[in-house]
N, C-alpha and C. Protein backbone atom coordinates (compact mmCIF):
# COMPACT_ATOMS: atom_id res chain seq x y z
N MET A 1 -10.80 4.33 12.49
CA MET A 1 -11.26 3.37 13.51
C MET A 1 -11.86 4.02 14.86
N SER A 2 -11.62 5.04 14.50
CA SER A 2 -12.97 5.30 15.97
C SER A 2 -14.31 5.57 15.49
N ILE A 3 -14.60 5.43 14.69
CA ILE A 3 -16.30 5.01 14.09
C ILE A 3 -16.40 3.24 14.52
N THR A 4 -15.89 2.73 13.84
CA THR A 4 -15.64 1.35 13.86
C THR A 4 -14.97 0.28 14.62
N GLY A 5 -14.53 1.27 14.97
CA GLY A 5 -13.17 0.69 15.93
C GLY A 5 -12.22 -0.99 15.52
N ARG A 6 -12.47 -0.60 14.34
CA ARG A 6 -11.13 -1.44 12.82
C ARG A 6 -11.07 -0.68 12.12
N ILE A 7 -9.84 -1.37 11.04
CA ILE A 7 -9.57 -1.10 9.90
C ILE A 7 -11.14 -1.20 8.91
N ASP A 8 -11.58 -0.64 7.99
CA ASP A 8 -12.45 -0.54 7.26
C ASP A 8 -12.04 -1.37 5.76
N LEU A 9 -10.80 -0.17 5.12
CA LEU A 9 -10.11 0.04 3.75
C LEU A 9 -8.99 0.79 4.03
N VAL A 10 -8.20 0.27 3.21
CA VAL A 10 -6.75 0.56 3.12
C VAL A 10 -6.73 0.71 1.78
N HIS A 11 -5.87 1.86 1.71
CA HIS A 11 -5.24 3.03 0.77
C HIS A 11 -4.09 2.73 0.12
N ALA A 12 -3.50 1.98 -0.46
CA ALA A 12 -2.40 0.91 -0.26
C ALA A 12 -1.34 1.85 -1.57
N ASN A 13 -0.14 2.88 -1.63
CA ASN A 13 0.04 3.02 -2.22
C ASN A 13 2.06 3.23 -1.52
N GLY A 14 2.51 3.46 -2.11
CA GLY A 14 3.91 3.89 -1.67
C GLY A 14 3.79 5.47 -1.37
N SER A 15 5.11 5.93 -1.48
CA SER A 15 5.36 7.63 -0.69
C SER A 15 6.36 8.00 -1.37
N ARG A 16 6.17 9.12 -1.94
CA ARG A 16 6.85 9.97 -2.34
C ARG A 16 7.75 11.02 -1.55
N ASP A 17 7.09 11.55 -0.47
CA ASP A 17 7.01 12.12 0.27
C ASP A 17 7.80 11.89 1.86
N GLU A 18 8.05 12.04 2.44
CA GLU A 18 8.65 11.75 3.40
C GLU A 18 7.19 11.94 4.60
N ALA A 19 7.29 11.24 5.57
CA ALA A 19 6.30 11.39 6.56
C ALA A 19 6.78 12.84 7.23
N GLY A 20 5.03 13.21 7.28
CA GLY A 20 4.62 14.38 8.41
C GLY A 20 5.46 15.91 7.22
N SER A 21 5.11 15.07 6.04
CA SER A 21 5.65 16.54 5.10
C SER A 21 4.59 16.95 4.66
N GLY A 22 3.05 16.89 4.72
CA GLY A 22 1.76 17.00 4.89
C GLY A 22 1.37 17.29 3.02
N ARG A 23 2.11 16.35 2.19
CA ARG A 23 2.31 15.97 1.02
C ARG A 23 1.57 14.59 0.60
N ASP A 24 0.45 14.35 -0.55
CA ASP A 24 0.11 13.19 -0.37
C ASP A 24 0.64 13.09 -1.82
N ARG A 25 1.59 12.47 -2.46
CA ARG A 25 2.27 11.91 -3.39
C ARG A 25 2.43 10.76 -3.00
N HIS A 26 1.72 9.84 -4.15
CA HIS A 26 1.84 8.41 -4.49
C HIS A 26 2.82 8.72 -5.11
N ALA A 27 3.03 6.56 -4.81
CA ALA A 27 5.04 6.02 -5.67
C ALA A 27 4.43 4.86 -5.64
N ASN A 28 5.22 4.13 -6.47
CA ASN A 28 5.01 2.54 -6.76
C ASN A 28 5.74 1.72 -5.78
N PHE A 29 5.33 0.58 -5.47
CA PHE A 29 6.03 -0.07 -4.12
C PHE A 29 7.09 -0.37 -5.25
N GLY A 30 8.49 -0.19 -4.21
CA GLY A 30 9.75 -0.27 -4.35
C GLY A 30 10.55 0.94 -5.20
N GLN A 31 9.83 2.42 -5.50
CA GLN A 31 10.06 3.62 -5.89
C GLN A 31 10.07 5.06 -5.10
N GLY A 32 9.47 4.59 -4.20
CA GLY A 32 8.91 5.60 -3.15
C GLY A 32 9.65 5.17 -1.77
N LEU A 33 9.34 6.28 -0.58
CA LEU A 33 10.14 6.17 0.90
C LEU A 33 9.08 4.88 1.65
N LEU A 34 8.56 4.80 1.36
CA LEU A 34 7.79 3.82 2.23
C LEU A 34 7.62 1.98 1.49
N PRO A 35 8.42 1.33 2.57
CA PRO A 35 8.83 -0.07 1.55
C PRO A 35 7.34 -0.84 1.14
N GLY A 36 7.43 -1.05 0.48
CA GLY A 36 5.95 -1.85 0.09
C GLY A 36 6.23 -3.35 0.43
N GLU A 37 6.79 -3.60 1.46
CA GLU A 37 6.55 -4.97 2.79
C GLU A 37 5.83 -4.35 3.36
N VAL A 38 6.46 -2.90 4.08
CA VAL A 38 5.29 -2.27 4.87
C VAL A 38 4.23 -2.14 4.58
N VAL A 39 3.84 -1.79 3.64
CA VAL A 39 2.17 -1.82 3.04
C VAL A 39 1.92 -3.22 3.04
N ALA A 40 2.43 -4.11 2.54
CA ALA A 40 1.84 -5.37 2.54
C ALA A 40 1.18 -6.05 3.88
N ARG A 41 2.83 -5.97 5.41
CA ARG A 41 2.20 -5.85 6.10
C ARG A 41 1.04 -5.38 7.23
N ILE A 42 0.58 -4.28 6.40
CA ILE A 42 -0.53 -3.52 7.16
C ILE A 42 -1.64 -4.10 6.63
N LEU A 43 -2.06 -4.04 5.12
CA LEU A 43 -2.59 -5.24 4.42
C LEU A 43 -3.13 -6.59 5.18
N HIS A 44 -2.04 -7.19 5.77
CA HIS A 44 -2.20 -8.52 6.34
C HIS A 44 -2.66 -8.22 7.79
N GLU A 45 -1.89 -7.75 8.63
CA GLU A 45 -2.53 -7.38 9.77
C GLU A 45 -3.98 -6.58 9.82
N SER A 46 -4.48 -5.73 8.89
CA SER A 46 -5.53 -5.40 9.04
C SER A 46 -6.63 -6.20 8.52
N GLY A 47 -6.77 -7.13 8.19
CA GLY A 47 -7.32 -7.86 6.84
C GLY A 47 -8.77 -7.66 6.84
N ALA A 48 -8.33 -6.12 5.52
CA ALA A 48 -8.68 -5.01 5.18
C ALA A 48 -9.09 -5.27 3.75
N PRO A 49 -10.40 -4.70 3.10
CA PRO A 49 -10.15 -4.81 1.70
C PRO A 49 -8.44 -3.50 1.42
N ALA A 50 -8.68 -3.62 -0.09
CA ALA A 50 -7.33 -2.49 -0.08
C ALA A 50 -7.87 -2.24 -1.49
N ILE A 51 -7.35 -0.80 -1.78
CA ILE A 51 -7.67 0.11 -3.01
C ILE A 51 -6.54 0.27 -3.66
N ILE A 52 -5.79 0.32 -4.15
CA ILE A 52 -4.41 -0.01 -5.13
C ILE A 52 -4.52 1.51 -5.46
N GLU A 53 -3.56 2.33 -5.12
CA GLU A 53 -3.37 3.80 -5.80
C GLU A 53 -2.53 4.33 -5.90
N THR A 54 -1.55 3.71 -6.82
CA THR A 54 -0.36 3.68 -7.28
C THR A 54 -0.23 4.86 -8.55
N PRO A 55 0.56 5.44 -8.73
CA PRO A 55 0.36 5.70 -10.35
C PRO A 55 0.74 5.31 -11.66
N GLY A 56 0.81 5.30 -12.74
CA GLY A 56 1.34 5.14 -14.11
C GLY A 56 -0.04 4.37 -15.08
N SER A 57 0.03 3.46 -15.35
CA SER A 57 -0.45 2.69 -16.21
C SER A 57 -1.24 1.82 -15.77
N ASN A 58 -2.15 1.33 -16.12
CA ASN A 58 -2.70 -0.42 -15.82
C ASN A 58 -1.42 -1.56 -15.84
N GLU A 59 -0.51 -1.35 -16.50
CA GLU A 59 0.76 -2.16 -16.84
C GLU A 59 1.29 -2.22 -15.14
N ASP A 60 1.31 -0.50 -15.01
CA ASP A 60 3.02 -0.59 -13.33
C ASP A 60 1.46 -0.78 -12.38
N GLN A 61 0.08 -0.90 -12.66
CA GLN A 61 -0.55 -1.34 -11.27
C GLN A 61 -0.79 -2.47 -10.96
N ALA A 62 -0.48 -3.66 -12.01
CA ALA A 62 -0.53 -4.63 -12.45
C ALA A 62 0.50 -4.89 -11.72
N LYS A 63 1.56 -4.48 -11.81
CA LYS A 63 2.88 -4.77 -11.41
C LYS A 63 3.06 -4.37 -9.95
N ASP A 64 2.15 -3.40 -9.45
CA ASP A 64 2.30 -3.62 -7.94
C ASP A 64 1.74 -4.34 -6.88
N ILE A 65 0.46 -4.48 -7.90
CA ILE A 65 -0.58 -6.03 -7.27
C ILE A 65 -0.20 -7.33 -7.42
N ALA A 66 0.84 -7.46 -8.32
CA ALA A 66 1.47 -8.65 -8.60
C ALA A 66 2.95 -8.53 -7.25
N PHE A 67 3.25 -7.59 -7.25
CA PHE A 67 4.40 -7.22 -6.02
C PHE A 67 3.87 -7.78 -4.64
N LEU A 68 2.45 -7.09 -4.45
CA LEU A 68 1.65 -7.17 -2.68
C LEU A 68 1.54 -8.57 -2.93
N LYS A 69 0.92 -9.07 -3.79
CA LYS A 69 0.71 -10.68 -3.95
C LYS A 69 1.72 -11.88 -3.44
N ASN A 70 3.15 -11.38 -3.81
CA ASN A 70 4.51 -12.10 -3.69
C ASN A 70 4.45 -12.05 -2.46
N VAL A 71 4.38 -10.93 -1.88
CA VAL A 71 5.12 -10.48 -0.11
C VAL A 71 3.82 -11.30 0.69
N LEU A 72 2.41 -11.21 0.29
CA LEU A 72 1.72 -11.39 1.08
C LEU A 72 1.58 -12.98 0.82
N ALA A 73 1.67 -13.22 0.33
CA ALA A 73 2.14 -14.96 0.13
C ALA A 73 3.14 -15.46 0.77
N GLY A 74 4.20 -14.90 1.28
CA GLY A 74 5.57 -15.07 2.11
C GLY A 74 4.89 -14.67 3.54
N ILE A 75 4.01 -14.22 3.60
CA ILE A 75 3.32 -13.28 5.11
C ILE A 75 2.59 -14.63 5.50
N ALA A 76 1.79 -14.85 5.24
CA ALA A 76 1.01 -15.88 5.08
C ALA A 76 0.81 -17.51 5.85
């Protein structure tokens, strides 16, 4: 944010590890410590495009995208 003054891109994923752990272990939404609803709220509030960085197969990622779309539909 310091260069542009805004969020330009969100790397969206759940987290297997606690905040401040120094580890960057991604999780699918609903399976980690970071609630998917929180990620959806960040996406909504930022208005920025997102890259989904969840683990697994294309099917797993499709489920994560569907989850975010469903939550975002309820926010808007």
